[in-house]
């Protein structure tokens, strides 16, 4: 059971959560499609979570996440996704 502290927590993702984060990502992608954005190329062999410089999650268990990567030597947010509960 989540406590208020767990729901308000921003933390680094654990590798064992990546599959759950991928599910959140796919659900968010489908929401974009309902307003005419997409479909997105979701190659299951692509492992952008593991190759990211940093993956942060909101809450425990995760409700959403941000992928941070380095592009041209600068930090960039590649994805910021969330789910309401």
C-alpha atoms as a PDB file:
ATOM      1  CA  UNK A   1       0.000   0.000   0.000  1.00  0.00           C
ATOM      2  CA  UNK A   2       1.358   3.426  -0.953  1.00  0.00           C
ATOM      3  CA  UNK A   3       1.756   6.088   1.653  1.00  0.00           C
ATOM      4  CA  UNK A   4       1.571   9.818   0.937  1.00  0.00           C
ATOM      5  CA  UNK A   5       5.377   9.962   1.066  1.00  0.00           C
ATOM      6  CA  UNK A   6       5.678   7.210  -1.559  1.00  0.00           C
ATOM      7  CA  UNK A   7       3.185   8.939  -3.880  1.00  0.00           C
ATOM      8  CA  UNK A   8       5.108  12.236  -3.735  1.00  0.00           C
ATOM      9  CA  UNK A   9       8.543  10.729  -4.251  1.00  0.00           C
ATOM     10  CA  UNK A  10      10.799  11.397  -7.258  1.00  0.00           C
ATOM     11  CA  UNK A  11      13.603   8.870  -7.437  1.00  0.00           C
ATOM     12  CA  UNK A  12      15.899   7.008  -9.782  1.00  0.00           C
ATOM     13  CA  UNK A  13      14.220   4.036 -11.439  1.00  0.00           C
ATOM     14  CA  UNK A  14      15.300   0.532 -10.567  1.00  0.00           C
ATOM     15  CA  UNK A  15      16.132  -1.793 -13.466  1.00  0.00           C
ATOM     16  CA  UNK A  16      13.476  -4.236 -12.298  1.00  0.00           C
ATOM     17  CA  UNK A  17      10.864  -1.518 -12.982  1.00  0.00           C
ATOM     18  CA  UNK A  18      11.772  -1.017 -16.650  1.00  0.00           C
ATOM     19  CA  UNK A  19       9.122  -3.472 -17.889  1.00  0.00           C
ATOM     20  CA  UNK A  20       6.447  -1.597 -15.932  1.00  0.00           C
ATOM     21  CA  UNK A  21       7.757   1.720 -17.289  1.00  0.00           C
ATOM     22  CA  UNK A  22       7.520   0.345 -20.823  1.00  0.00           C
ATOM     23  CA  UNK A  23       3.839  -0.465 -20.156  1.00  0.00           C
ATOM     24  CA  UNK A  24       3.264   3.116 -18.966  1.00  0.00           C
ATOM     25  CA  UNK A  25       4.977   4.379 -22.114  1.00  0.00           C
ATOM     26  CA  UNK A  26       2.808   2.270 -24.430  1.00  0.00           C
ATOM     27  CA  UNK A  27      -0.368   3.398 -22.635  1.00  0.00           C
ATOM     28  CA  UNK A  28       0.678   7.043 -23.011  1.00  0.00           C
ATOM     29  CA  UNK A  29       1.443   6.501 -26.700  1.00  0.00           C
ATOM     30  CA  UNK A  30      -2.077   5.167 -27.256  1.00  0.00           C
ATOM     31  CA  UNK A  31      -3.531   8.309 -25.646  1.00  0.00           C
ATOM     32  CA  UNK A  32      -1.604  10.487 -28.113  1.00  0.00           C
ATOM     33  CA  UNK A  33      -3.067   8.467 -30.981  1.00  0.00           C
ATOM     34  CA  UNK A  34      -6.605   9.406 -29.860  1.00  0.00           C
ATOM     35  CA  UNK A  35      -5.818  13.047 -30.713  1.00  0.00           C
ATOM     36  CA  UNK A  36      -4.061  12.303 -33.990  1.00  0.00           C
ATOM     37  CA  UNK A  37      -0.444  12.164 -32.812  1.00  0.00           C
ATOM     38  CA  UNK A  38       1.316   8.979 -33.793  1.00  0.00           C
ATOM     39  CA  UNK A  39       1.383   6.058 -34.140  1.00  0.00           C
ATOM     40  CA  UNK A  40       4.849   5.888 -32.642  1.00  0.00           C
ATOM     41  CA  UNK A  41       7.496   3.387 -33.663  1.00  0.00           C
ATOM     42  CA  UNK A  42       7.654   1.054 -30.654  1.00  0.00           C
ATOM     43  CA  UNK A  43      10.423  -1.371 -31.432  1.00  0.00           C
ATOM     44  CA  UNK A  44      10.552  -3.882 -28.585  1.00  0.00           C
ATOM     45  CA  UNK A  45      14.227  -4.515 -29.298  1.00  0.00           C
ATOM     46  CA  UNK A  46      15.003  -0.840 -28.577  1.00  0.00           C
ATOM     47  CA  UNK A  47      16.176  -0.459 -24.997  1.00  0.00           C
ATOM     48  CA  UNK A  48      16.192   3.290 -24.468  1.00  0.00           C
ATOM     49  CA  UNK A  49      15.590   2.916 -20.731  1.00  0.00           C
ATOM     50  CA  UNK A  50      18.787   0.928 -20.189  1.00  0.00           C
ATOM     51  CA  UNK A  51      20.863   3.207 -22.402  1.00  0.00           C
ATOM     52  CA  UNK A  52      19.590   6.489 -20.878  1.00  0.00           C
ATOM     53  CA  UNK A  53      21.851   8.670 -18.761  1.00  0.00           C
ATOM     54  CA  UNK A  54      19.156   8.757 -16.061  1.00  0.00           C
ATOM     55  CA  UNK A  55      15.608   7.479 -15.605  1.00  0.00           C
ATOM     56  CA  UNK A  56      13.544   9.125 -12.877  1.00  0.00           C
ATOM     57  CA  UNK A  57      10.175   7.863 -11.679  1.00  0.00           C
ATOM     58  CA  UNK A  58       7.348   9.487  -9.795  1.00  0.00           C
ATOM     59  CA  UNK A  59       6.003   7.466  -6.887  1.00  0.00           C
ATOM     60  CA  UNK A  60       6.535   3.934  -5.680  1.00  0.00           C
ATOM     61  CA  UNK A  61       5.232   1.993  -7.512  1.00  0.00           C
ATOM     62  CA  UNK A  62       5.889   4.273 -10.501  1.00  0.00           C
ATOM     63  CA  UNK A  63       3.043   6.377 -11.888  1.00  0.00           C
ATOM     64  CA  UNK A  64       5.181   8.071 -14.523  1.00  0.00           C
ATOM     65  CA  UNK A  65       8.764   8.657 -15.559  1.00  0.00           C
ATOM     66  CA  UNK A  66      11.290  10.915 -17.280  1.00  0.00           C
ATOM     67  CA  UNK A  67      14.146   9.702 -19.467  1.00  0.00           C
ATOM     68  CA  UNK A  68      17.213  11.947 -19.479  1.00  0.00           C
ATOM     69  CA  UNK A  69      19.907  11.431 -22.091  1.00  0.00           C
ATOM     70  CA  UNK A  70      22.915  13.299 -23.433  1.00  0.00           C
ATOM     71  CA  UNK A  71      22.535  14.624 -26.988  1.00  0.00           C
ATOM     72  CA  UNK A  72      25.347  16.620 -28.569  1.00  0.00           C
ATOM     73  CA  UNK A  73      26.985  16.881 -25.150  1.00  0.00           C
ATOM     74  CA  UNK A  74      23.928  18.420 -23.478  1.00  0.00           C
ATOM     75  CA  UNK A  75      21.286  16.868 -21.207  1.00  0.00           C
ATOM     76  CA  UNK A  76      17.916  16.382 -22.898  1.00  0.00           C
ATOM     77  CA  UNK A  77      14.595  15.083 -21.673  1.00  0.00           C
ATOM     78  CA  UNK A  78      13.631  12.429 -24.195  1.00  0.00           C
ATOM     79  CA  UNK A  79      10.326  11.391 -22.645  1.00  0.00           C
ATOM     80  CA  UNK A  80       8.145  12.559 -19.809  1.00  0.00           C
ATOM     81  CA  UNK A  81       5.195  10.264 -19.329  1.00  0.00           C
ATOM     82  CA  UNK A  82       2.630   9.863 -16.635  1.00  0.00           C
ATOM     83  CA  UNK A  83      -0.428   7.946 -15.587  1.00  0.00           C
ATOM     84  CA  UNK A  84      -3.254   9.047 -13.333  1.00  0.00           C
ATOM     85  CA  UNK A  85      -4.534   6.769 -10.594  1.00  0.00           C
END
